[in-house]
N, C-alpha and C. Protein backbone atom coordinates (compact mmCIF):
# COMPACT_ATOMS: atom_id res chain seq x y z
N MET A 1 -88.18 68.47 -67.71
CA MET A 1 -88.17 67.57 -66.57
C MET A 1 -88.36 68.36 -65.29
N PHE A 2 -88.95 67.70 -64.33
CA PHE A 2 -89.29 68.34 -63.06
C PHE A 2 -88.04 68.61 -62.22
N GLU A 3 -87.28 67.57 -61.94
CA GLU A 3 -86.05 67.68 -61.14
C GLU A 3 -84.90 67.16 -61.98
N SER A 4 -84.44 67.95 -62.92
CA SER A 4 -83.44 67.48 -63.89
C SER A 4 -82.10 67.11 -63.26
N GLU A 5 -81.76 67.72 -62.13
CA GLU A 5 -80.47 67.40 -61.51
C GLU A 5 -80.51 66.11 -60.68
N LEU A 6 -81.70 65.58 -60.42
CA LEU A 6 -81.82 64.33 -59.66
C LEU A 6 -82.06 63.17 -60.62
N PRO A 7 -81.37 62.05 -60.41
CA PRO A 7 -81.53 60.91 -61.32
C PRO A 7 -82.81 60.10 -61.08
N VAL A 8 -83.43 60.24 -59.91
CA VAL A 8 -84.61 59.44 -59.58
C VAL A 8 -85.86 59.98 -60.27
N PHE A 9 -86.81 59.09 -60.52
CA PHE A 9 -88.04 59.49 -61.21
C PHE A 9 -89.20 59.75 -60.25
N TYR A 10 -89.07 59.33 -59.00
CA TYR A 10 -90.15 59.41 -58.01
C TYR A 10 -89.79 60.48 -56.98
N HIS A 11 -90.68 61.46 -56.81
CA HIS A 11 -90.42 62.56 -55.88
C HIS A 11 -91.61 62.69 -54.92
N TYR A 12 -91.33 62.55 -53.64
CA TYR A 12 -92.36 62.60 -52.60
C TYR A 12 -92.14 63.85 -51.75
N TYR A 13 -93.17 64.67 -51.65
CA TYR A 13 -93.07 65.91 -50.87
C TYR A 13 -94.15 65.94 -49.80
N ARG A 14 -93.77 66.44 -48.62
CA ARG A 14 -94.72 66.72 -47.55
C ARG A 14 -94.88 68.23 -47.49
N LEU A 15 -96.04 68.68 -47.07
CA LEU A 15 -96.26 70.11 -46.93
C LEU A 15 -95.94 70.51 -45.49
N VAL A 16 -95.02 71.47 -45.36
CA VAL A 16 -94.61 71.92 -44.03
C VAL A 16 -94.76 73.44 -43.93
N HIS A 17 -94.85 73.90 -42.71
CA HIS A 17 -94.92 75.33 -42.45
C HIS A 17 -93.56 75.94 -42.80
N GLU A 18 -93.57 77.10 -43.45
CA GLU A 18 -92.32 77.71 -43.92
C GLU A 18 -91.37 78.05 -42.78
N GLU A 19 -91.90 78.61 -41.70
CA GLU A 19 -91.05 79.02 -40.59
C GLU A 19 -90.85 77.92 -39.56
N ASN A 20 -91.89 77.16 -39.32
CA ASN A 20 -91.84 76.08 -38.33
C ASN A 20 -91.89 74.75 -39.07
N THR A 21 -90.75 74.31 -39.55
CA THR A 21 -90.73 73.13 -40.42
C THR A 21 -91.11 71.83 -39.70
N ASP A 22 -91.22 71.88 -38.37
CA ASP A 22 -91.70 70.70 -37.66
C ASP A 22 -93.22 70.57 -37.77
N ARG A 23 -93.88 71.60 -38.28
CA ARG A 23 -95.33 71.59 -38.46
C ARG A 23 -95.64 71.04 -39.85
N VAL A 24 -96.12 69.81 -39.89
CA VAL A 24 -96.40 69.11 -41.15
C VAL A 24 -97.90 68.91 -41.30
N ILE A 25 -98.41 69.10 -42.49
CA ILE A 25 -99.83 68.82 -42.75
C ILE A 25 -99.94 67.33 -43.05
N ASP A 26 -100.49 66.59 -42.10
CA ASP A 26 -100.67 65.15 -42.29
C ASP A 26 -101.75 64.89 -43.33
N GLY A 27 -101.53 63.89 -44.14
CA GLY A 27 -102.54 63.48 -45.12
C GLY A 27 -102.52 64.27 -46.41
N LEU A 28 -101.68 65.29 -46.50
CA LEU A 28 -101.61 66.07 -47.74
C LEU A 28 -100.17 66.01 -48.23
N HIS A 29 -99.97 65.28 -49.31
CA HIS A 29 -98.64 65.06 -49.86
C HIS A 29 -98.67 65.31 -51.36
N LEU A 30 -97.53 65.59 -51.91
CA LEU A 30 -97.40 65.73 -53.36
C LEU A 30 -96.42 64.66 -53.84
N ILE A 31 -96.82 63.95 -54.87
CA ILE A 31 -95.96 62.93 -55.46
C ILE A 31 -95.85 63.22 -56.94
N PHE A 32 -94.63 63.35 -57.40
CA PHE A 32 -94.37 63.58 -58.82
C PHE A 32 -93.63 62.37 -59.37
N VAL A 33 -94.08 61.89 -60.50
CA VAL A 33 -93.42 60.79 -61.19
C VAL A 33 -92.98 61.31 -62.55
N GLU A 34 -91.68 61.32 -62.76
CA GLU A 34 -91.14 61.79 -64.04
C GLU A 34 -91.06 60.60 -64.99
N LEU A 35 -92.05 60.49 -65.85
CA LEU A 35 -92.12 59.34 -66.76
C LEU A 35 -90.91 59.23 -67.70
N PRO A 36 -90.36 60.34 -68.20
CA PRO A 36 -89.19 60.18 -69.07
C PRO A 36 -87.99 59.52 -68.37
N LYS A 37 -87.90 59.67 -67.06
CA LYS A 37 -86.80 59.06 -66.31
C LYS A 37 -87.09 57.62 -65.91
N PHE A 38 -88.34 57.23 -65.97
CA PHE A 38 -88.72 55.89 -65.53
C PHE A 38 -88.51 54.89 -66.65
N SER A 39 -87.62 53.97 -66.43
CA SER A 39 -87.41 52.90 -67.41
C SER A 39 -87.52 51.57 -66.67
N PRO A 40 -88.63 50.88 -66.86
CA PRO A 40 -88.85 49.61 -66.15
C PRO A 40 -87.84 48.55 -66.59
N HIS A 41 -87.38 47.77 -65.62
CA HIS A 41 -86.37 46.75 -65.91
C HIS A 41 -86.94 45.34 -65.83
N THR A 42 -88.03 45.18 -65.11
CA THR A 42 -88.62 43.86 -64.96
C THR A 42 -90.02 43.86 -65.56
N TYR A 43 -90.56 42.67 -65.75
CA TYR A 43 -91.92 42.55 -66.26
C TYR A 43 -92.91 43.22 -65.31
N SER A 44 -92.70 43.03 -64.02
CA SER A 44 -93.58 43.61 -63.01
C SER A 44 -93.58 45.14 -63.09
N GLU A 45 -92.40 45.73 -63.23
CA GLU A 45 -92.31 47.19 -63.36
C GLU A 45 -92.97 47.69 -64.64
N LYS A 46 -92.81 46.94 -65.72
CA LYS A 46 -93.44 47.32 -66.99
C LYS A 46 -94.96 47.27 -66.87
N LYS A 47 -95.45 46.22 -66.19
CA LYS A 47 -96.90 46.09 -65.99
C LYS A 47 -97.43 47.25 -65.16
N MET A 48 -96.70 47.61 -64.08
CA MET A 48 -97.13 48.73 -63.24
C MET A 48 -97.12 50.03 -64.03
N GLN A 49 -96.12 50.22 -64.87
CA GLN A 49 -96.05 51.44 -65.68
C GLN A 49 -97.29 51.54 -66.57
N VAL A 50 -97.64 50.44 -67.21
CA VAL A 50 -98.81 50.44 -68.09
C VAL A 50 -100.08 50.71 -67.30
N LEU A 51 -100.22 50.08 -66.13
CA LEU A 51 -101.41 50.29 -65.30
C LEU A 51 -101.54 51.75 -64.87
N TRP A 52 -100.43 52.35 -64.41
CA TRP A 52 -100.49 53.74 -63.98
C TRP A 52 -100.75 54.69 -65.14
N LEU A 53 -100.17 54.41 -66.30
CA LEU A 53 -100.44 55.25 -67.47
C LEU A 53 -101.91 55.14 -67.86
N ARG A 54 -102.46 53.94 -67.78
CA ARG A 54 -103.88 53.77 -68.08
C ARG A 54 -104.73 54.53 -67.06
N TYR A 55 -104.36 54.43 -65.79
CA TYR A 55 -105.09 55.15 -64.75
C TYR A 55 -105.08 56.65 -65.05
N LEU A 56 -103.92 57.18 -65.39
CA LEU A 56 -103.78 58.62 -65.64
C LEU A 56 -104.50 59.07 -66.90
N THR A 57 -104.64 58.20 -67.88
CA THR A 57 -105.25 58.61 -69.15
C THR A 57 -106.71 58.19 -69.30
N GLU A 58 -107.12 57.11 -68.64
CA GLU A 58 -108.48 56.59 -68.84
C GLU A 58 -109.48 57.04 -67.78
N ILE A 59 -109.02 57.32 -66.59
CA ILE A 59 -109.94 57.67 -65.50
C ILE A 59 -110.12 59.18 -65.48
N ASN A 60 -111.37 59.60 -65.62
CA ASN A 60 -111.67 61.04 -65.59
C ASN A 60 -113.07 61.25 -65.02
N GLU A 61 -113.57 62.48 -65.09
CA GLU A 61 -114.87 62.78 -64.48
C GLU A 61 -116.03 62.07 -65.17
N ASN A 62 -115.82 61.54 -66.37
CA ASN A 62 -116.88 60.82 -67.08
C ASN A 62 -116.84 59.31 -66.84
N THR A 63 -115.85 58.84 -66.11
CA THR A 63 -115.70 57.40 -65.87
C THR A 63 -116.80 56.93 -64.92
N ARG A 64 -117.53 55.93 -65.36
CA ARG A 64 -118.59 55.35 -64.54
C ARG A 64 -118.25 53.92 -64.13
N GLU A 65 -117.45 53.25 -64.94
CA GLU A 65 -117.05 51.88 -64.65
C GLU A 65 -115.56 51.75 -64.91
N VAL A 66 -114.84 51.27 -63.91
CA VAL A 66 -113.38 51.15 -64.01
C VAL A 66 -113.04 49.75 -64.52
N PRO A 67 -112.12 49.65 -65.48
CA PRO A 67 -111.73 48.33 -65.99
C PRO A 67 -111.22 47.42 -64.86
N GLU A 68 -111.59 46.16 -64.95
CA GLU A 68 -111.28 45.18 -63.91
C GLU A 68 -109.78 45.06 -63.63
N ASP A 69 -108.94 45.11 -64.68
CA ASP A 69 -107.50 44.94 -64.45
C ASP A 69 -106.90 46.10 -63.66
N LEU A 70 -107.54 47.27 -63.68
CA LEU A 70 -107.07 48.37 -62.84
C LEU A 70 -107.48 48.14 -61.39
N ILE A 71 -108.70 47.66 -61.19
CA ILE A 71 -109.20 47.41 -59.84
C ILE A 71 -108.47 46.24 -59.18
N ASP A 72 -108.00 45.29 -59.98
CA ASP A 72 -107.31 44.11 -59.43
C ASP A 72 -105.98 44.46 -58.79
N ASN A 73 -105.39 45.59 -59.14
CA ASN A 73 -104.11 45.99 -58.57
C ASN A 73 -104.37 46.81 -57.31
N PRO A 74 -103.86 46.38 -56.14
CA PRO A 74 -104.16 47.08 -54.88
C PRO A 74 -103.77 48.56 -54.86
N GLU A 75 -102.60 48.91 -55.42
CA GLU A 75 -102.16 50.30 -55.40
C GLU A 75 -103.06 51.17 -56.27
N VAL A 76 -103.40 50.67 -57.44
CA VAL A 76 -104.26 51.44 -58.35
C VAL A 76 -105.66 51.53 -57.77
N LYS A 77 -106.13 50.43 -57.17
CA LYS A 77 -107.47 50.45 -56.55
C LYS A 77 -107.54 51.49 -55.44
N LYS A 78 -106.47 51.59 -54.65
CA LYS A 78 -106.42 52.59 -53.57
C LYS A 78 -106.52 54.00 -54.16
N ALA A 79 -105.82 54.24 -55.26
CA ALA A 79 -105.87 55.55 -55.92
C ALA A 79 -107.26 55.83 -56.46
N ILE A 80 -107.90 54.81 -57.03
CA ILE A 80 -109.26 54.97 -57.56
C ILE A 80 -110.24 55.28 -56.44
N ASN A 81 -110.11 54.57 -55.31
CA ASN A 81 -110.99 54.83 -54.16
C ASN A 81 -110.80 56.24 -53.63
N ALA A 82 -109.55 56.68 -53.53
CA ALA A 82 -109.28 58.04 -53.05
C ALA A 82 -109.85 59.08 -54.00
N LEU A 83 -109.72 58.83 -55.29
CA LEU A 83 -110.26 59.74 -56.29
C LEU A 83 -111.78 59.79 -56.22
N GLU A 84 -112.38 58.63 -56.08
CA GLU A 84 -113.84 58.54 -55.99
C GLU A 84 -114.35 59.30 -54.76
N GLU A 85 -113.68 59.09 -53.64
CA GLU A 85 -114.08 59.75 -52.40
C GLU A 85 -113.91 61.26 -52.49
N SER A 86 -112.85 61.70 -53.15
CA SER A 86 -112.61 63.14 -53.26
C SER A 86 -113.62 63.83 -54.17
N ALA A 87 -114.30 63.05 -54.99
CA ALA A 87 -115.29 63.62 -55.91
C ALA A 87 -116.64 63.85 -55.23
N PHE A 88 -116.83 63.28 -54.02
CA PHE A 88 -118.09 63.45 -53.31
C PHE A 88 -118.21 64.86 -52.73
N THR A 89 -119.42 65.37 -52.71
CA THR A 89 -119.68 66.60 -51.97
C THR A 89 -119.70 66.22 -50.48
N ASP A 90 -119.70 67.21 -49.60
CA ASP A 90 -119.75 66.91 -48.16
C ASP A 90 -121.00 66.12 -47.81
N ALA A 91 -122.13 66.49 -48.41
CA ALA A 91 -123.39 65.79 -48.14
C ALA A 91 -123.33 64.35 -48.63
N GLN A 92 -122.77 64.14 -49.82
CA GLN A 92 -122.65 62.78 -50.36
C GLN A 92 -121.71 61.94 -49.50
N LEU A 93 -120.61 62.53 -49.06
CA LEU A 93 -119.66 61.82 -48.23
C LEU A 93 -120.29 61.43 -46.89
N LEU A 94 -121.08 62.32 -46.32
CA LEU A 94 -121.79 62.03 -45.08
C LEU A 94 -122.78 60.88 -45.30
N GLY A 95 -123.51 60.92 -46.41
CA GLY A 95 -124.44 59.85 -46.74
C GLY A 95 -123.73 58.52 -46.95
N TYR A 96 -122.59 58.56 -47.62
CA TYR A 96 -121.78 57.37 -47.88
C TYR A 96 -121.31 56.76 -46.56
N GLU A 97 -120.79 57.59 -45.66
CA GLU A 97 -120.33 57.11 -44.36
C GLU A 97 -121.49 56.58 -43.53
N ASN A 98 -122.64 57.26 -43.60
CA ASN A 98 -123.83 56.82 -42.88
C ASN A 98 -124.29 55.45 -43.39
N PHE A 99 -124.24 55.26 -44.71
CA PHE A 99 -124.62 53.98 -45.30
C PHE A 99 -123.77 52.85 -44.72
N TRP A 100 -122.44 53.04 -44.67
CA TRP A 100 -121.57 51.99 -44.17
C TRP A 100 -121.72 51.82 -42.66
N ASP A 101 -122.08 52.87 -41.94
CA ASP A 101 -122.37 52.74 -40.51
C ASP A 101 -123.59 51.84 -40.31
N ILE A 102 -124.63 52.06 -41.12
CA ILE A 102 -125.85 51.25 -41.04
C ILE A 102 -125.54 49.79 -41.34
N ILE A 103 -124.75 49.55 -42.38
CA ILE A 103 -124.36 48.19 -42.74
C ILE A 103 -123.61 47.53 -41.59
N SER A 104 -122.70 48.27 -40.97
CA SER A 104 -121.91 47.73 -39.86
C SER A 104 -122.81 47.36 -38.68
N VAL A 105 -123.77 48.22 -38.35
CA VAL A 105 -124.70 47.94 -37.25
C VAL A 105 -125.53 46.71 -37.57
N GLU A 106 -126.05 46.62 -38.78
CA GLU A 106 -126.87 45.47 -39.18
C GLU A 106 -126.07 44.17 -39.09
N LYS A 107 -124.82 44.19 -39.54
CA LYS A 107 -123.99 42.99 -39.47
C LYS A 107 -123.75 42.59 -38.02
N THR A 108 -123.52 43.58 -37.16
CA THR A 108 -123.30 43.30 -35.74
C THR A 108 -124.54 42.68 -35.12
N LEU A 109 -125.71 43.25 -35.40
CA LEU A 109 -126.96 42.72 -34.85
C LEU A 109 -127.22 41.30 -35.36
N TYR A 110 -126.98 41.08 -36.64
CA TYR A 110 -127.20 39.76 -37.23
C TYR A 110 -126.27 38.72 -36.58
N ASN A 111 -124.99 39.07 -36.47
CA ASN A 111 -124.03 38.13 -35.88
C ASN A 111 -124.34 37.86 -34.42
N SER A 112 -124.79 38.88 -33.70
CA SER A 112 -125.15 38.71 -32.29
C SER A 112 -126.35 37.77 -32.16
N ALA A 113 -127.36 37.96 -32.99
CA ALA A 113 -128.55 37.10 -32.96
C ALA A 113 -128.17 35.67 -33.32
N GLU A 114 -127.29 35.53 -34.29
CA GLU A 114 -126.86 34.19 -34.71
C GLU A 114 -126.13 33.49 -33.56
N ARG A 115 -125.26 34.22 -32.87
CA ARG A 115 -124.53 33.63 -31.73
C ARG A 115 -125.50 33.22 -30.61
N ARG A 116 -126.49 34.08 -30.33
CA ARG A 116 -127.48 33.74 -29.29
C ARG A 116 -128.26 32.49 -29.69
N GLY A 117 -128.63 32.41 -30.96
CA GLY A 117 -129.36 31.23 -31.44
C GLY A 117 -128.54 29.96 -31.33
N LEU A 118 -127.28 30.04 -31.70
CA LEU A 118 -126.40 28.87 -31.61
C LEU A 118 -126.20 28.46 -30.15
N LYS A 119 -126.08 29.45 -29.27
CA LYS A 119 -125.89 29.16 -27.85
C LYS A 119 -127.14 28.47 -27.29
N LYS A 120 -128.32 28.95 -27.70
CA LYS A 120 -129.58 28.37 -27.23
C LYS A 120 -129.71 26.93 -27.70
N VAL A 121 -129.41 26.68 -28.97
CA VAL A 121 -129.49 25.32 -29.52
C VAL A 121 -128.49 24.42 -28.82
N SER A 122 -127.30 24.93 -28.58
CA SER A 122 -126.25 24.16 -27.92
C SER A 122 -126.67 23.78 -26.51
N SER A 123 -127.28 24.71 -25.77
CA SER A 123 -127.68 24.42 -24.39
C SER A 123 -128.85 23.44 -24.36
N LYS A 124 -129.75 23.49 -25.34
CA LYS A 124 -130.88 22.55 -25.38
C LYS A 124 -130.39 21.14 -25.70
N ARG A 125 -129.38 21.05 -26.55
CA ARG A 125 -128.85 19.73 -26.90
C ARG A 125 -128.14 19.10 -25.72
N SER A 126 -127.56 19.92 -24.86
CA SER A 126 -126.83 19.36 -23.72
C SER A 126 -127.77 18.92 -22.59
N LEU A 127 -129.04 19.38 -22.60
CA LEU A 127 -130.01 18.95 -21.60
C LEU A 127 -130.54 17.57 -21.97
N LYS A 128 -130.66 16.72 -20.99
CA LYS A 128 -131.23 15.40 -21.23
C LYS A 128 -132.72 15.48 -20.90
N LEU A 129 -133.54 15.12 -21.85
CA LEU A 129 -134.97 15.13 -21.62
C LEU A 129 -135.37 13.85 -20.88
N PRO A 130 -136.29 13.98 -19.90
CA PRO A 130 -136.71 12.78 -19.17
C PRO A 130 -137.47 11.82 -20.08
N GLU A 131 -137.22 10.54 -19.86
CA GLU A 131 -137.92 9.54 -20.67
C GLU A 131 -139.28 9.27 -20.07
N LYS A 132 -140.27 8.93 -20.90
CA LYS A 132 -141.62 8.65 -20.42
C LYS A 132 -141.78 7.23 -20.00
């Protein structure tokens, strides 16, 4: 066991500077889950245990498609996304971010054009055309 003297199964660690403990590395954490100590008491906890065990055993470098029931769980999906992102090279990550930037710009332009079109139609409808 990892922390045999502690009764809890979940251990969260932050990385800090040895001499200046107020200096913390943000975004880099270690989480240890001691499965032998974890005994689920509710159906929900049992389901989460199974999902996390599946995540730990089924997802690897050869995984191309993730089972839907893993993606349906927000916590597991977040872990899958983080894992996927960490597997990118710097160039791939830059390309991925660039792709979503392009999508964001296109959506903004489309929505702006749509609003202008609706405004134009609305103003034309409010004008009364002279009768002949």
